[in-house]
Amino acid sequence: TFRHCYLLAVTFRHCYLLAVTFRHCCLLAVTFRHCYLLALTFRHCYLLAVTFRHCYLLAVTFRHCYLLAATFRHCYLLAVTFRHCYLLAVTFRHCYLLADDGTNTSIGGYFNFKSYYL
């Protein structure tokens, strides 16, 4: 668990992160590349210019977070939730959004989306 941490320009490459919690953290220009993020929780965090590239996000939860200019590129998002979050200038490019409904039915399929206010 990371609490009240500041991560600036940190890069995670080819990492497996399992059941990690970030609480009241500020992640600025942090990059996740070719990572498997399993059961991660971000609570009351600021994610500013954070990049997820070629990542698998499985059961990742964002709660009460501010995601500003975050980028998701070539990612698979399975059972990812955004609760009470602000998404401003967030980019989703070449991503797959999958539901965790027991059948892994695609509810968004392949999407190419850029949001300014979501």
C-alpha atoms as a PDB file:
ATOM      1  CA  THR A   1       0.000   0.000   0.000  1.00  0.00           C
ATOM      2  CA  PHE A   2       1.192   3.476  -0.924  1.00  0.00           C
ATOM      3  CA  ARG A   3      -0.246   6.270   1.245  1.00  0.00           C
ATOM      4  CA  HIS A   4       0.271   9.987   0.846  1.00  0.00           C
ATOM      5  CA  CYS A   5       2.966   9.415  -1.771  1.00  0.00           C
ATOM      6  CA  TYR A   6       4.184  11.505  -4.673  1.00  0.00           C
ATOM      7  CA  LEU A   7       5.483   9.679  -7.723  1.00  0.00           C
ATOM      8  CA  LEU A   8       7.014  11.928 -10.364  1.00  0.00           C
ATOM      9  CA  ALA A   9       8.080  10.632 -13.801  1.00  0.00           C
ATOM     10  CA  VAL A  10       8.298   7.011 -12.659  1.00  0.00           C
ATOM     11  CA  THR A  11       8.155   4.283 -15.323  1.00  0.00           C
ATOM     12  CA  PHE A  12       6.920   0.750 -14.711  1.00  0.00           C
ATOM     13  CA  ARG A  13       7.912  -1.609 -17.582  1.00  0.00           C
ATOM     14  CA  HIS A  14       6.961  -5.249 -17.952  1.00  0.00           C
ATOM     15  CA  CYS A  15       5.676  -5.312 -14.378  1.00  0.00           C
ATOM     16  CA  TYR A  16       3.087  -7.402 -12.609  1.00  0.00           C
ATOM     17  CA  LEU A  17       1.362  -5.449  -9.857  1.00  0.00           C
ATOM     18  CA  LEU A  18      -1.071  -7.466  -7.769  1.00  0.00           C
ATOM     19  CA  ALA A  19      -3.448  -6.062  -5.141  1.00  0.00           C
ATOM     20  CA  VAL A  20      -1.574  -2.777  -4.744  1.00  0.00           C
ATOM     21  CA  THR A  21      -3.427   0.161  -3.204  1.00  0.00           C
ATOM     22  CA  PHE A  22      -2.644   3.824  -3.766  1.00  0.00           C
ATOM     23  CA  ARG A  23      -4.358   6.125  -1.226  1.00  0.00           C
ATOM     24  CA  HIS A  24      -4.165   9.878  -1.211  1.00  0.00           C
ATOM     25  CA  CYS A  25      -1.304   9.759  -3.713  1.00  0.00           C
ATOM     26  CA  CYS A  26      -0.261  12.043  -6.512  1.00  0.00           C
ATOM     27  CA  LEU A  27       1.074  10.347  -9.638  1.00  0.00           C
ATOM     28  CA  LEU A  28       2.528  12.873 -12.063  1.00  0.00           C
ATOM     29  CA  ALA A  29       3.788  11.757 -15.495  1.00  0.00           C
ATOM     30  CA  VAL A  30       3.909   8.119 -14.374  1.00  0.00           C
ATOM     31  CA  THR A  31       4.051   5.543 -17.171  1.00  0.00           C
ATOM     32  CA  PHE A  32       2.906   1.929 -17.134  1.00  0.00           C
ATOM     33  CA  ARG A  33       4.146   0.007 -20.215  1.00  0.00           C
ATOM     34  CA  HIS A  34       3.499  -3.638 -20.983  1.00  0.00           C
ATOM     35  CA  CYS A  35       2.232  -4.176 -17.443  1.00  0.00           C
ATOM     36  CA  TYR A  36      -0.322  -6.466 -15.870  1.00  0.00           C
ATOM     37  CA  LEU A  37      -2.250  -4.530 -13.245  1.00  0.00           C
ATOM     38  CA  LEU A  38      -4.377  -6.929 -11.219  1.00  0.00           C
ATOM     39  CA  ALA A  39      -6.781  -5.825  -8.464  1.00  0.00           C
ATOM     40  CA  LEU A  40      -5.226  -2.381  -8.061  1.00  0.00           C
ATOM     41  CA  THR A  41      -7.078   0.332  -6.183  1.00  0.00           C
ATOM     42  CA  PHE A  42      -6.578   4.062  -6.555  1.00  0.00           C
ATOM     43  CA  ARG A  43      -8.452   6.029  -3.849  1.00  0.00           C
ATOM     44  CA  HIS A  44      -8.497   9.779  -3.454  1.00  0.00           C
ATOM     45  CA  CYS A  45      -5.606  10.092  -5.910  1.00  0.00           C
ATOM     46  CA  TYR A  46      -4.515  12.621  -8.472  1.00  0.00           C
ATOM     47  CA  LEU A  47      -3.319  10.999 -11.695  1.00  0.00           C
ATOM     48  CA  LEU A  48      -1.888  13.777 -13.829  1.00  0.00           C
ATOM     49  CA  ALA A  49      -0.580  12.916 -17.305  1.00  0.00           C
ATOM     50  CA  VAL A  50      -0.393   9.232 -16.383  1.00  0.00           C
ATOM     51  CA  THR A  51       0.058   6.846 -19.321  1.00  0.00           C
ATOM     52  CA  PHE A  52      -1.031   3.225 -19.629  1.00  0.00           C
ATOM     53  CA  ARG A  53       0.359   1.600 -22.811  1.00  0.00           C
ATOM     54  CA  HIS A  54      -0.040  -2.001 -23.891  1.00  0.00           C
ATOM     55  CA  CYS A  55      -1.356  -2.885 -20.431  1.00  0.00           C
ATOM     56  CA  TYR A  56      -3.888  -5.304 -19.043  1.00  0.00           C
ATOM     57  CA  LEU A  57      -5.984  -3.741 -16.294  1.00  0.00           C
ATOM     58  CA  LEU A  58      -7.957  -6.435 -14.488  1.00  0.00           C
ATOM     59  CA  ALA A  59     -10.314  -5.515 -11.634  1.00  0.00           C
ATOM     60  CA  VAL A  60      -8.731  -2.086 -11.243  1.00  0.00           C
ATOM     61  CA  THR A  61     -10.749   0.483  -9.286  1.00  0.00           C
ATOM     62  CA  PHE A  62     -10.460   4.250  -9.388  1.00  0.00           C
ATOM     63  CA  ARG A  63     -12.459   5.909  -6.575  1.00  0.00           C
ATOM     64  CA  HIS A  64     -12.697   9.592  -5.826  1.00  0.00           C
ATOM     65  CA  CYS A  65      -9.830  10.260  -8.228  1.00  0.00           C
ATOM     66  CA  TYR A  66      -8.901  13.061 -10.564  1.00  0.00           C
ATOM     67  CA  LEU A  67      -7.559  11.801 -13.883  1.00  0.00           C
ATOM     68  CA  LEU A  68      -6.258  14.772 -15.834  1.00  0.00           C
ATOM     69  CA  ALA A  69      -4.735  14.241 -19.297  1.00  0.00           C
ATOM     70  CA  ALA A  70      -4.396  10.511 -18.635  1.00  0.00           C
ATOM     71  CA  THR A  71      -3.848   8.218 -21.620  1.00  0.00           C
ATOM     72  CA  PHE A  72      -4.909   4.614 -22.153  1.00  0.00           C
ATOM     73  CA  ARG A  73      -3.436   3.206 -25.404  1.00  0.00           C
ATOM     74  CA  HIS A  74      -3.627  -0.356 -26.673  1.00  0.00           C
ATOM     75  CA  CYS A  75      -5.016  -1.556 -23.344  1.00  0.00           C
ATOM     76  CA  TYR A  76      -7.426  -4.240 -22.233  1.00  0.00           C
ATOM     77  CA  LEU A  77      -9.733  -3.108 -19.434  1.00  0.00           C
ATOM     78  CA  LEU A  78     -11.578  -5.945 -17.699  1.00  0.00           C
ATOM     79  CA  ALA A  79     -13.878  -5.056 -14.791  1.00  0.00           C
ATOM     80  CA  VAL A  80     -12.308  -1.612 -14.437  1.00  0.00           C
ATOM     81  CA  THR A  81     -14.420   0.883 -12.506  1.00  0.00           C
ATOM     82  CA  PHE A  82     -14.326   4.650 -12.220  1.00  0.00           C
ATOM     83  CA  ARG A  83     -16.423   5.748  -9.227  1.00  0.00           C
ATOM     84  CA  HIS A  84     -16.878   9.361  -8.259  1.00  0.00           C
ATOM     85  CA  CYS A  85     -13.994  10.351 -10.524  1.00  0.00           C
ATOM     86  CA  TYR A  86     -13.220  13.391 -12.623  1.00  0.00           C
ATOM     87  CA  LEU A  87     -11.942  12.502 -16.082  1.00  0.00           C
ATOM     88  CA  LEU A  88     -10.681  15.555 -17.904  1.00  0.00           C
ATOM     89  CA  ALA A  89      -8.904  15.301 -21.276  1.00  0.00           C
ATOM     90  CA  VAL A  90      -8.547  11.552 -20.838  1.00  0.00           C
ATOM     91  CA  THR A  91      -7.686   9.610 -23.984  1.00  0.00           C
ATOM     92  CA  PHE A  92      -8.681   6.004 -24.706  1.00  0.00           C
ATOM     93  CA  ARG A  93      -7.114   4.822 -27.974  1.00  0.00           C
ATOM     94  CA  HIS A  94      -7.247   1.323 -29.403  1.00  0.00           C
ATOM     95  CA  CYS A  95      -8.589  -0.143 -26.168  1.00  0.00           C
ATOM     96  CA  TYR A  96     -10.869  -3.059 -25.387  1.00  0.00           C
ATOM     97  CA  LEU A  97     -13.442  -2.725 -22.642  1.00  0.00           C
ATOM     98  CA  LEU A  98     -14.717  -6.039 -21.303  1.00  0.00           C
ATOM     99  CA  ALA A  99     -17.429  -6.748 -18.744  1.00  0.00           C
ATOM    100  CA  ASP A 100     -16.893  -9.138 -15.893  1.00  0.00           C
ATOM    101  CA  ASP A 101     -20.260 -10.827 -16.258  1.00  0.00           C
ATOM    102  CA  GLY A 102     -19.087 -14.412 -16.227  1.00  0.00           C
ATOM    103  CA  THR A 103     -19.106 -14.643 -20.006  1.00  0.00           C
ATOM    104  CA  ASN A 104     -16.523 -11.953 -20.705  1.00  0.00           C
ATOM    105  CA  THR A 105     -18.940 -10.461 -23.179  1.00  0.00           C
ATOM    106  CA  SER A 106     -17.619  -7.311 -24.763  1.00  0.00           C
ATOM    107  CA  ILE A 107     -19.800  -4.377 -23.745  1.00  0.00           C
ATOM    108  CA  GLY A 108     -17.824  -1.730 -25.506  1.00  0.00           C
ATOM    109  CA  GLY A 109     -15.784  -3.810 -27.861  1.00  0.00           C
ATOM    110  CA  TYR A 110     -12.956  -2.132 -29.567  1.00  0.00           C
ATOM    111  CA  PHE A 111     -13.190   1.579 -29.032  1.00  0.00           C
ATOM    112  CA  ASN A 112     -11.266   4.632 -30.006  1.00  0.00           C
ATOM    113  CA  PHE A 113     -12.441   7.473 -27.816  1.00  0.00           C
ATOM    114  CA  LYS A 114     -11.187  10.777 -26.534  1.00  0.00           C
ATOM    115  CA  SER A 115     -13.092  12.435 -23.736  1.00  0.00           C
ATOM    116  CA  TYR A 116     -12.867  15.974 -22.573  1.00  0.00           C
ATOM    117  CA  TYR A 117     -15.594  15.793 -19.961  1.00  0.00           C
ATOM    118  CA  LEU A 118     -16.810  12.360 -19.014  1.00  0.00           C
END
